[in-house]
């Protein structure tokens, strides 16, 4: 369904309030649909559209795409790590991108469970880049506040923001 068709159904036929306008008409983006779900809780269509979009993305990005990336000899997925893709020099992952495997909803968590290390005792490591960088900064600079914040288990981001 095109955005114009969706605009007609939501705003003309159902009479839902217009939350945001764009150059091409009344917006039907995710923020608008979320707001409509809150403002008009007895109208299920905005929420159903959001759910459909989310499931379609999971279907196209993972369920349909991943089987095509399985290595013919090993029968497994093998991501490519690249350090020259991101401008920051951080590692990026592609084919598939292991950094974007969904986790926020049950369907995403089920997809994530399909990713398993190939040997018993092996595991995947998940690391917060900003935490690592701030810990390195504290160590290298010797900044007493950063070191104390990390040592005391406080929220490093809140401390940095407050300073």
N, C-alpha and C. Protein backbone atom coordinates (compact mmCIF):
# COMPACT_ATOMS: atom_id res chain seq x y z
N UNK A 1 0.85 -1.18 0.00
CA UNK A 1 0.00 0.00 0.00
C UNK A 1 0.89 1.24 0.00
N UNK A 2 0.57 2.18 -0.85
CA UNK A 2 1.37 3.40 -0.96
C UNK A 2 1.05 4.34 0.21
N UNK A 3 1.95 5.28 0.48
CA UNK A 3 1.67 6.27 1.53
C UNK A 3 0.39 7.07 1.25
N UNK A 4 0.14 7.40 -0.02
CA UNK A 4 -1.08 8.15 -0.37
C UNK A 4 -2.32 7.34 -0.03
N UNK A 5 -2.30 6.03 -0.36
CA UNK A 5 -3.44 5.18 -0.04
C UNK A 5 -3.63 5.09 1.48
N UNK A 6 -2.54 4.96 2.20
CA UNK A 6 -2.61 4.88 3.65
C UNK A 6 -3.13 6.19 4.24
N UNK A 7 -2.71 7.33 3.69
CA UNK A 7 -3.21 8.63 4.14
C UNK A 7 -4.73 8.69 3.97
N UNK A 8 -5.22 8.24 2.83
CA UNK A 8 -6.65 8.27 2.55
C UNK A 8 -7.42 7.44 3.57
N UNK A 9 -6.92 6.24 3.86
CA UNK A 9 -7.61 5.37 4.81
C UNK A 9 -7.57 5.94 6.22
N UNK A 10 -6.38 6.33 6.68
CA UNK A 10 -6.24 6.79 8.07
C UNK A 10 -6.95 8.11 8.33
N UNK A 11 -6.75 9.07 7.43
CA UNK A 11 -7.21 10.43 7.73
C UNK A 11 -8.55 10.78 7.10
N UNK A 12 -8.84 10.26 5.91
CA UNK A 12 -10.11 10.58 5.26
C UNK A 12 -11.21 9.61 5.68
N UNK A 13 -10.96 8.31 5.56
CA UNK A 13 -12.00 7.32 5.87
C UNK A 13 -12.20 7.13 7.37
N UNK A 14 -11.07 6.99 8.12
CA UNK A 14 -11.19 6.76 9.57
C UNK A 14 -11.26 8.06 10.38
N UNK A 15 -10.89 9.17 9.76
CA UNK A 15 -10.96 10.46 10.44
C UNK A 15 -9.97 10.63 11.57
N UNK A 16 -8.83 9.94 11.50
CA UNK A 16 -7.82 10.08 12.55
C UNK A 16 -7.15 11.45 12.44
N UNK A 17 -6.68 11.99 13.55
CA UNK A 17 -6.07 13.32 13.52
C UNK A 17 -4.74 13.31 12.77
N UNK A 18 -4.48 14.39 12.04
CA UNK A 18 -3.21 14.55 11.34
C UNK A 18 -2.19 15.02 12.37
N UNK A 19 -1.13 14.26 12.53
CA UNK A 19 -0.11 14.57 13.53
C UNK A 19 1.00 15.43 12.92
N UNK A 20 1.35 15.10 11.68
CA UNK A 20 2.50 15.76 11.05
C UNK A 20 2.27 15.81 9.55
N UNK A 21 2.68 16.92 8.94
CA UNK A 21 2.59 17.05 7.49
C UNK A 21 3.99 17.09 6.89
N UNK A 22 4.07 16.61 5.65
CA UNK A 22 5.32 16.66 4.90
C UNK A 22 5.05 17.42 3.61
N UNK A 23 6.07 17.56 2.77
CA UNK A 23 5.89 18.23 1.49
C UNK A 23 4.88 17.53 0.61
N UNK A 24 4.80 16.20 0.77
CA UNK A 24 3.93 15.42 -0.11
C UNK A 24 2.58 15.09 0.51
N UNK A 25 2.32 15.56 1.72
CA UNK A 25 1.03 15.29 2.34
C UNK A 25 1.14 14.97 3.81
N UNK A 26 0.18 14.22 4.30
CA UNK A 26 0.11 13.86 5.71
C UNK A 26 1.02 12.67 5.99
N UNK A 27 1.84 12.80 7.00
CA UNK A 27 2.85 11.77 7.29
C UNK A 27 2.21 10.51 7.86
N UNK A 28 2.76 9.38 7.45
CA UNK A 28 2.37 8.08 8.00
C UNK A 28 3.62 7.35 8.51
N UNK A 29 4.62 8.12 8.96
CA UNK A 29 5.86 7.49 9.43
C UNK A 29 5.63 6.82 10.79
N UNK A 30 6.64 6.12 11.28
CA UNK A 30 6.50 5.34 12.50
C UNK A 30 6.13 6.21 13.70
N UNK A 31 6.74 7.39 13.82
CA UNK A 31 6.42 8.26 14.95
C UNK A 31 4.95 8.66 14.93
N UNK A 32 4.43 8.98 13.76
CA UNK A 32 3.02 9.36 13.63
C UNK A 32 2.12 8.18 14.00
N UNK A 33 2.44 7.00 13.49
CA UNK A 33 1.61 5.82 13.79
C UNK A 33 1.66 5.49 15.28
N UNK A 34 2.82 5.65 15.92
CA UNK A 34 2.92 5.42 17.36
C UNK A 34 2.05 6.42 18.13
N UNK A 35 2.12 7.68 17.71
CA UNK A 35 1.31 8.71 18.37
C UNK A 35 -0.18 8.45 18.17
N UNK A 36 -0.57 8.03 16.97
CA UNK A 36 -1.98 7.71 16.71
C UNK A 36 -2.44 6.54 17.57
N UNK A 37 -1.55 5.57 17.79
CA UNK A 37 -1.89 4.42 18.65
C UNK A 37 -2.20 4.88 20.07
N UNK A 38 -1.49 5.91 20.53
CA UNK A 38 -1.70 6.44 21.87
C UNK A 38 -2.93 7.33 21.91
N UNK A 39 -3.07 8.23 20.93
CA UNK A 39 -4.18 9.19 20.92
C UNK A 39 -5.54 8.54 20.65
N UNK A 40 -5.53 7.48 19.84
CA UNK A 40 -6.79 6.82 19.47
C UNK A 40 -6.65 5.33 19.76
N UNK A 41 -6.63 4.97 21.06
CA UNK A 41 -6.35 3.57 21.42
C UNK A 41 -7.41 2.57 20.95
N UNK A 42 -8.63 3.04 20.68
CA UNK A 42 -9.66 2.11 20.23
C UNK A 42 -9.57 1.82 18.73
N UNK A 43 -8.65 2.48 18.02
CA UNK A 43 -8.44 2.22 16.59
C UNK A 43 -7.15 1.40 16.44
N UNK A 44 -7.28 0.11 16.11
CA UNK A 44 -6.10 -0.76 16.07
C UNK A 44 -5.22 -0.60 14.82
N UNK A 45 -5.72 0.05 13.77
CA UNK A 45 -4.99 0.06 12.50
C UNK A 45 -3.58 0.65 12.58
N UNK A 46 -3.35 1.80 13.22
CA UNK A 46 -1.98 2.30 13.28
C UNK A 46 -1.00 1.31 13.91
N UNK A 47 -1.40 0.66 14.98
CA UNK A 47 -0.55 -0.34 15.62
C UNK A 47 -0.31 -1.54 14.73
N UNK A 48 -1.35 -1.96 14.02
CA UNK A 48 -1.21 -3.10 13.11
C UNK A 48 -0.27 -2.78 11.95
N UNK A 49 -0.32 -1.55 11.47
CA UNK A 49 0.59 -1.14 10.39
C UNK A 49 2.04 -1.15 10.88
N UNK A 50 2.26 -0.63 12.10
CA UNK A 50 3.60 -0.67 12.68
C UNK A 50 4.10 -2.11 12.82
N UNK A 51 3.23 -2.99 13.29
CA UNK A 51 3.61 -4.40 13.45
C UNK A 51 3.93 -5.03 12.09
N UNK A 52 3.12 -4.72 11.09
CA UNK A 52 3.35 -5.26 9.74
C UNK A 52 4.70 -4.78 9.20
N UNK A 53 4.99 -3.50 9.38
CA UNK A 53 6.26 -2.96 8.90
C UNK A 53 7.43 -3.64 9.59
N UNK A 54 7.31 -3.83 10.89
CA UNK A 54 8.37 -4.47 11.66
C UNK A 54 8.59 -5.91 11.21
N UNK A 55 7.51 -6.65 11.06
CA UNK A 55 7.62 -8.04 10.62
C UNK A 55 8.14 -8.15 9.19
N UNK A 56 7.73 -7.22 8.34
CA UNK A 56 8.23 -7.22 6.95
C UNK A 56 9.72 -6.98 6.91
N UNK A 57 10.20 -6.07 7.75
CA UNK A 57 11.63 -5.80 7.79
C UNK A 57 12.41 -7.03 8.27
N UNK A 58 11.91 -7.69 9.31
CA UNK A 58 12.56 -8.90 9.80
C UNK A 58 12.55 -10.00 8.72
N UNK A 59 11.44 -10.13 8.04
CA UNK A 59 11.33 -11.13 6.98
C UNK A 59 12.35 -10.87 5.87
N UNK A 60 12.39 -9.64 5.40
CA UNK A 60 13.28 -9.32 4.28
C UNK A 60 14.75 -9.27 4.67
N UNK A 61 15.04 -8.76 5.86
CA UNK A 61 16.42 -8.58 6.28
C UNK A 61 17.05 -9.87 6.76
N UNK A 62 16.27 -10.72 7.41
CA UNK A 62 16.85 -11.90 8.04
C UNK A 62 16.31 -13.22 7.46
N UNK A 63 15.02 -13.43 7.58
CA UNK A 63 14.46 -14.74 7.26
C UNK A 63 14.65 -15.10 5.79
N UNK A 64 14.45 -14.15 4.90
CA UNK A 64 14.65 -14.41 3.47
C UNK A 64 16.11 -14.30 3.07
N UNK A 65 16.84 -13.36 3.66
CA UNK A 65 18.21 -13.09 3.24
C UNK A 65 19.24 -14.07 3.80
N UNK A 66 19.10 -14.46 5.05
CA UNK A 66 20.14 -15.27 5.70
C UNK A 66 20.40 -16.62 5.03
N UNK A 67 19.39 -17.36 4.61
CA UNK A 67 19.68 -18.64 3.96
C UNK A 67 20.57 -18.50 2.72
N UNK A 68 20.50 -17.37 2.05
CA UNK A 68 21.32 -17.14 0.86
C UNK A 68 22.79 -16.90 1.22
N UNK A 69 23.06 -16.57 2.49
CA UNK A 69 24.42 -16.29 2.94
C UNK A 69 25.11 -17.49 3.57
N UNK A 70 24.42 -18.63 3.65
CA UNK A 70 25.02 -19.82 4.25
C UNK A 70 26.12 -20.34 3.34
N UNK A 71 27.29 -20.57 3.93
CA UNK A 71 28.44 -21.06 3.16
C UNK A 71 28.17 -22.47 2.67
N UNK A 72 28.38 -22.77 1.39
CA UNK A 72 28.04 -24.08 0.84
C UNK A 72 28.85 -25.23 1.43
N UNK A 73 30.06 -24.97 1.87
CA UNK A 73 30.90 -26.05 2.42
C UNK A 73 30.66 -26.30 3.90
N UNK A 74 30.46 -25.22 4.68
CA UNK A 74 30.32 -25.39 6.13
C UNK A 74 28.87 -25.46 6.59
N UNK A 75 27.95 -24.96 5.76
CA UNK A 75 26.55 -24.92 6.16
C UNK A 75 26.28 -23.90 7.25
N UNK A 76 27.19 -22.94 7.39
CA UNK A 76 27.07 -21.92 8.45
C UNK A 76 27.20 -20.53 7.85
N UNK A 77 26.81 -19.54 8.65
CA UNK A 77 27.01 -18.15 8.28
C UNK A 77 28.40 -17.72 8.73
N UNK A 78 29.07 -16.96 7.89
CA UNK A 78 30.39 -16.42 8.25
C UNK A 78 30.38 -14.94 7.92
N UNK A 79 30.30 -14.10 8.94
CA UNK A 79 30.26 -12.66 8.71
C UNK A 79 31.62 -12.16 8.25
N UNK A 80 31.62 -11.03 7.58
CA UNK A 80 32.85 -10.35 7.19
C UNK A 80 33.02 -9.16 8.13
N UNK A 81 34.14 -9.10 8.84
CA UNK A 81 34.44 -7.95 9.68
C UNK A 81 35.31 -6.99 8.88
N UNK A 82 34.95 -5.72 8.92
CA UNK A 82 35.69 -4.69 8.19
C UNK A 82 36.04 -3.56 9.14
N UNK A 83 37.25 -3.07 9.05
CA UNK A 83 37.64 -1.93 9.88
C UNK A 83 37.72 -0.66 9.05
N UNK A 84 37.70 -0.76 7.75
CA UNK A 84 37.86 0.42 6.91
C UNK A 84 36.53 0.99 6.42
N UNK A 85 35.42 0.38 6.79
CA UNK A 85 34.11 0.84 6.32
C UNK A 85 33.60 2.01 7.16
N UNK A 86 33.65 1.87 8.48
CA UNK A 86 33.16 2.92 9.37
C UNK A 86 34.21 4.02 9.47
N UNK A 87 33.77 5.26 9.39
CA UNK A 87 34.68 6.40 9.44
C UNK A 87 35.44 6.47 10.77
N UNK A 88 34.87 5.88 11.81
CA UNK A 88 35.48 5.94 13.14
C UNK A 88 36.61 4.93 13.31
N UNK A 89 36.74 3.98 12.38
CA UNK A 89 37.74 2.94 12.52
C UNK A 89 37.24 1.75 13.32
N UNK A 90 36.00 1.82 13.77
CA UNK A 90 35.42 0.69 14.50
C UNK A 90 35.16 -0.46 13.54
N UNK A 91 35.09 -1.65 14.10
CA UNK A 91 34.77 -2.81 13.27
C UNK A 91 33.32 -2.73 12.83
N UNK A 92 33.08 -3.10 11.60
CA UNK A 92 31.70 -3.28 11.15
C UNK A 92 31.58 -4.71 10.67
N UNK A 93 30.37 -5.19 10.61
CA UNK A 93 30.10 -6.58 10.26
C UNK A 93 29.10 -6.59 9.12
N UNK A 94 29.34 -7.44 8.14
CA UNK A 94 28.40 -7.51 7.01
C UNK A 94 28.29 -8.93 6.48
N UNK A 95 27.18 -9.19 5.85
CA UNK A 95 26.86 -10.47 5.21
C UNK A 95 26.95 -11.66 6.15
N UNK A 96 26.22 -11.69 7.24
CA UNK A 96 25.25 -10.72 7.75
C UNK A 96 25.90 -9.74 8.73
N UNK A 97 25.16 -8.67 9.00
CA UNK A 97 25.60 -7.69 9.98
C UNK A 97 25.22 -8.22 11.37
N UNK A 98 26.18 -8.75 12.07
CA UNK A 98 25.92 -9.30 13.40
C UNK A 98 25.63 -8.22 14.44
N UNK A 99 25.92 -6.96 14.11
CA UNK A 99 25.72 -5.88 15.06
C UNK A 99 24.27 -5.39 15.09
N UNK A 100 23.46 -5.83 14.15
CA UNK A 100 22.07 -5.37 14.09
C UNK A 100 21.06 -6.49 14.24
N UNK A 101 21.45 -7.60 14.80
CA UNK A 101 20.49 -8.68 14.97
C UNK A 101 19.46 -8.21 16.00
N UNK A 102 18.19 -8.30 15.67
CA UNK A 102 17.16 -7.71 16.55
C UNK A 102 17.06 -8.42 17.89
N UNK A 103 16.58 -7.64 18.87
CA UNK A 103 16.39 -8.20 20.21
C UNK A 103 15.19 -7.57 20.92
N UNK A 104 14.61 -6.53 20.36
CA UNK A 104 13.60 -5.75 21.07
C UNK A 104 12.23 -6.40 21.16
N UNK A 105 11.94 -7.35 20.28
CA UNK A 105 10.65 -8.02 20.38
C UNK A 105 10.87 -9.53 20.30
N UNK A 106 9.82 -10.29 20.56
CA UNK A 106 9.95 -11.75 20.64
C UNK A 106 10.39 -12.36 19.31
N UNK A 107 9.86 -11.87 18.21
CA UNK A 107 10.26 -12.41 16.91
C UNK A 107 11.74 -12.15 16.67
N UNK A 108 12.21 -10.96 16.99
CA UNK A 108 13.63 -10.63 16.86
C UNK A 108 14.50 -11.51 17.74
N UNK A 109 14.04 -11.76 18.97
CA UNK A 109 14.81 -12.62 19.88
C UNK A 109 14.88 -14.05 19.34
N UNK A 110 13.80 -14.50 18.70
CA UNK A 110 13.82 -15.85 18.11
C UNK A 110 14.82 -15.92 16.96
N UNK A 111 14.90 -14.87 16.16
CA UNK A 111 15.89 -14.83 15.08
C UNK A 111 17.28 -14.84 15.67
N UNK A 112 17.49 -14.07 16.71
CA UNK A 112 18.81 -13.98 17.35
C UNK A 112 19.26 -15.33 17.90
N UNK A 113 18.31 -16.13 18.40
CA UNK A 113 18.68 -17.45 18.95
C UNK A 113 19.21 -18.38 17.87
N UNK A 114 18.95 -18.09 16.61
CA UNK A 114 19.46 -18.93 15.52
C UNK A 114 20.97 -18.77 15.35
N UNK A 115 21.53 -17.70 15.87
CA UNK A 115 22.98 -17.46 15.79
C UNK A 115 23.64 -18.14 16.98
N UNK A 116 24.46 -19.14 16.69
CA UNK A 116 25.13 -19.87 17.76
C UNK A 116 26.58 -20.11 17.38
N UNK A 117 27.48 -20.04 18.35
CA UNK A 117 28.87 -20.39 18.07
C UNK A 117 28.94 -21.86 17.64
N UNK A 118 29.95 -22.20 16.85
CA UNK A 118 29.98 -23.55 16.30
C UNK A 118 30.64 -24.59 17.19
N UNK A 119 31.14 -24.21 18.35
CA UNK A 119 31.79 -25.19 19.24
C UNK A 119 31.27 -25.02 20.66
N UNK A 120 31.13 -26.14 21.37
CA UNK A 120 30.74 -26.05 22.78
C UNK A 120 31.78 -25.23 23.55
N UNK A 121 31.29 -24.42 24.44
CA UNK A 121 32.20 -23.59 25.24
C UNK A 121 32.56 -22.28 24.58
N UNK A 122 32.27 -22.12 23.29
CA UNK A 122 32.52 -20.85 22.62
C UNK A 122 31.31 -19.96 22.82
N UNK A 123 31.51 -18.64 22.72
CA UNK A 123 30.40 -17.72 22.92
C UNK A 123 30.58 -16.48 22.06
N UNK A 124 29.52 -15.73 21.94
CA UNK A 124 29.59 -14.44 21.28
C UNK A 124 29.83 -13.39 22.34
N UNK A 125 30.63 -12.40 22.00
CA UNK A 125 30.91 -11.30 22.91
C UNK A 125 30.19 -10.07 22.41
N UNK A 126 29.46 -9.42 23.28
CA UNK A 126 28.79 -8.18 22.95
C UNK A 126 29.47 -7.08 23.75
N UNK A 127 29.94 -6.04 23.05
CA UNK A 127 30.67 -4.98 23.73
C UNK A 127 30.12 -3.62 23.34
N UNK A 128 30.01 -2.74 24.31
CA UNK A 128 29.58 -1.37 24.10
C UNK A 128 30.82 -0.54 23.78
N UNK A 129 30.95 -0.12 22.52
CA UNK A 129 32.14 0.61 22.10
C UNK A 129 32.41 1.82 23.00
N UNK A 130 31.37 2.58 23.30
CA UNK A 130 31.60 3.80 24.06
C UNK A 130 32.12 3.48 25.47
N UNK A 131 31.66 2.39 26.06
CA UNK A 131 32.18 1.98 27.37
C UNK A 131 33.66 1.65 27.28
N UNK A 132 34.03 0.90 26.25
CA UNK A 132 35.43 0.53 26.08
C UNK A 132 36.28 1.78 25.88
N UNK A 133 35.83 2.68 25.02
CA UNK A 133 36.59 3.88 24.74
C UNK A 133 36.74 4.76 25.98
N UNK A 134 35.68 4.89 26.76
CA UNK A 134 35.78 5.70 27.97
C UNK A 134 36.69 5.05 29.02
N UNK A 135 36.69 3.75 29.09
CA UNK A 135 37.60 3.06 30.01
C UNK A 135 39.06 3.26 29.59
N UNK A 136 39.31 3.18 28.28
CA UNK A 136 40.66 3.45 27.78
C UNK A 136 41.06 4.89 28.06
N UNK A 137 40.13 5.81 27.83
CA UNK A 137 40.41 7.21 28.09
C UNK A 137 40.76 7.43 29.57
N UNK A 138 39.99 6.80 30.47
CA UNK A 138 40.27 6.94 31.89
C UNK A 138 41.64 6.40 32.23
N UNK A 139 41.98 5.26 31.67
CA UNK A 139 43.27 4.64 31.95
C UNK A 139 44.44 5.48 31.41
N UNK A 140 44.31 5.90 30.17
CA UNK A 140 45.41 6.64 29.53
C UNK A 140 45.58 8.03 30.15
N UNK A 141 44.44 8.69 30.40
CA UNK A 141 44.53 10.06 30.92
C UNK A 141 44.79 10.11 32.42
N UNK A 142 44.38 9.05 33.10
CA UNK A 142 44.51 9.06 34.56
C UNK A 142 43.53 10.00 35.23
N UNK A 143 42.53 10.45 34.51
CA UNK A 143 41.54 11.38 35.07
C UNK A 143 40.88 10.76 36.29
N UNK A 144 41.03 11.40 37.43
CA UNK A 144 40.57 10.84 38.70
C UNK A 144 39.06 10.61 38.73
N UNK A 145 38.31 11.55 38.17
CA UNK A 145 36.85 11.40 38.19
C UNK A 145 36.42 10.21 37.34
N UNK A 146 36.97 10.09 36.14
CA UNK A 146 36.62 8.95 35.29
C UNK A 146 37.02 7.63 35.94
N UNK A 147 38.22 7.58 36.46
CA UNK A 147 38.70 6.35 37.10
C UNK A 147 37.80 5.99 38.28
N UNK A 148 37.48 6.96 39.13
CA UNK A 148 36.63 6.71 40.29
C UNK A 148 35.23 6.26 39.86
N UNK A 149 34.67 6.92 38.86
CA UNK A 149 33.33 6.57 38.37
C UNK A 149 33.30 5.12 37.90
N UNK A 150 34.29 4.73 37.13
CA UNK A 150 34.34 3.35 36.63
C UNK A 150 34.58 2.36 37.77
N UNK A 151 35.49 2.71 38.66
CA UNK A 151 35.81 1.82 39.78
C UNK A 151 34.59 1.61 40.68
N UNK A 152 33.77 2.68 40.86
CA UNK A 152 32.60 2.60 41.73
C UNK A 152 31.37 2.04 41.03
N UNK A 153 31.50 1.72 39.74
CA UNK A 153 30.38 1.13 39.00
C UNK A 153 29.27 2.12 38.69
N UNK A 154 29.59 3.41 38.70
CA UNK A 154 28.59 4.42 38.39
C UNK A 154 28.40 4.54 36.88
N UNK A 155 27.37 5.25 36.48
CA UNK A 155 27.08 5.45 35.05
C UNK A 155 28.08 6.44 34.47
N UNK A 156 28.99 5.93 33.67
CA UNK A 156 30.05 6.77 33.11
C UNK A 156 29.49 7.84 32.19
N UNK A 157 28.45 7.50 31.43
CA UNK A 157 27.86 8.48 30.51
C UNK A 157 27.24 9.64 31.27
N UNK A 158 26.56 9.34 32.36
CA UNK A 158 25.94 10.39 33.18
C UNK A 158 27.03 11.29 33.79
N UNK A 159 28.11 10.69 34.24
CA UNK A 159 29.20 11.46 34.83
C UNK A 159 29.83 12.38 33.80
N UNK A 160 30.12 11.84 32.62
CA UNK A 160 30.73 12.65 31.55
C UNK A 160 29.78 13.78 31.15
N UNK A 161 28.51 13.47 31.00
CA UNK A 161 27.53 14.48 30.61
C UNK A 161 27.42 15.57 31.67
N UNK A 162 27.46 15.18 32.93
CA UNK A 162 27.34 16.16 34.02
C UNK A 162 28.53 17.09 34.07
N UNK A 163 29.71 16.58 33.70
CA UNK A 163 30.91 17.40 33.75
C UNK A 163 30.93 18.35 32.58
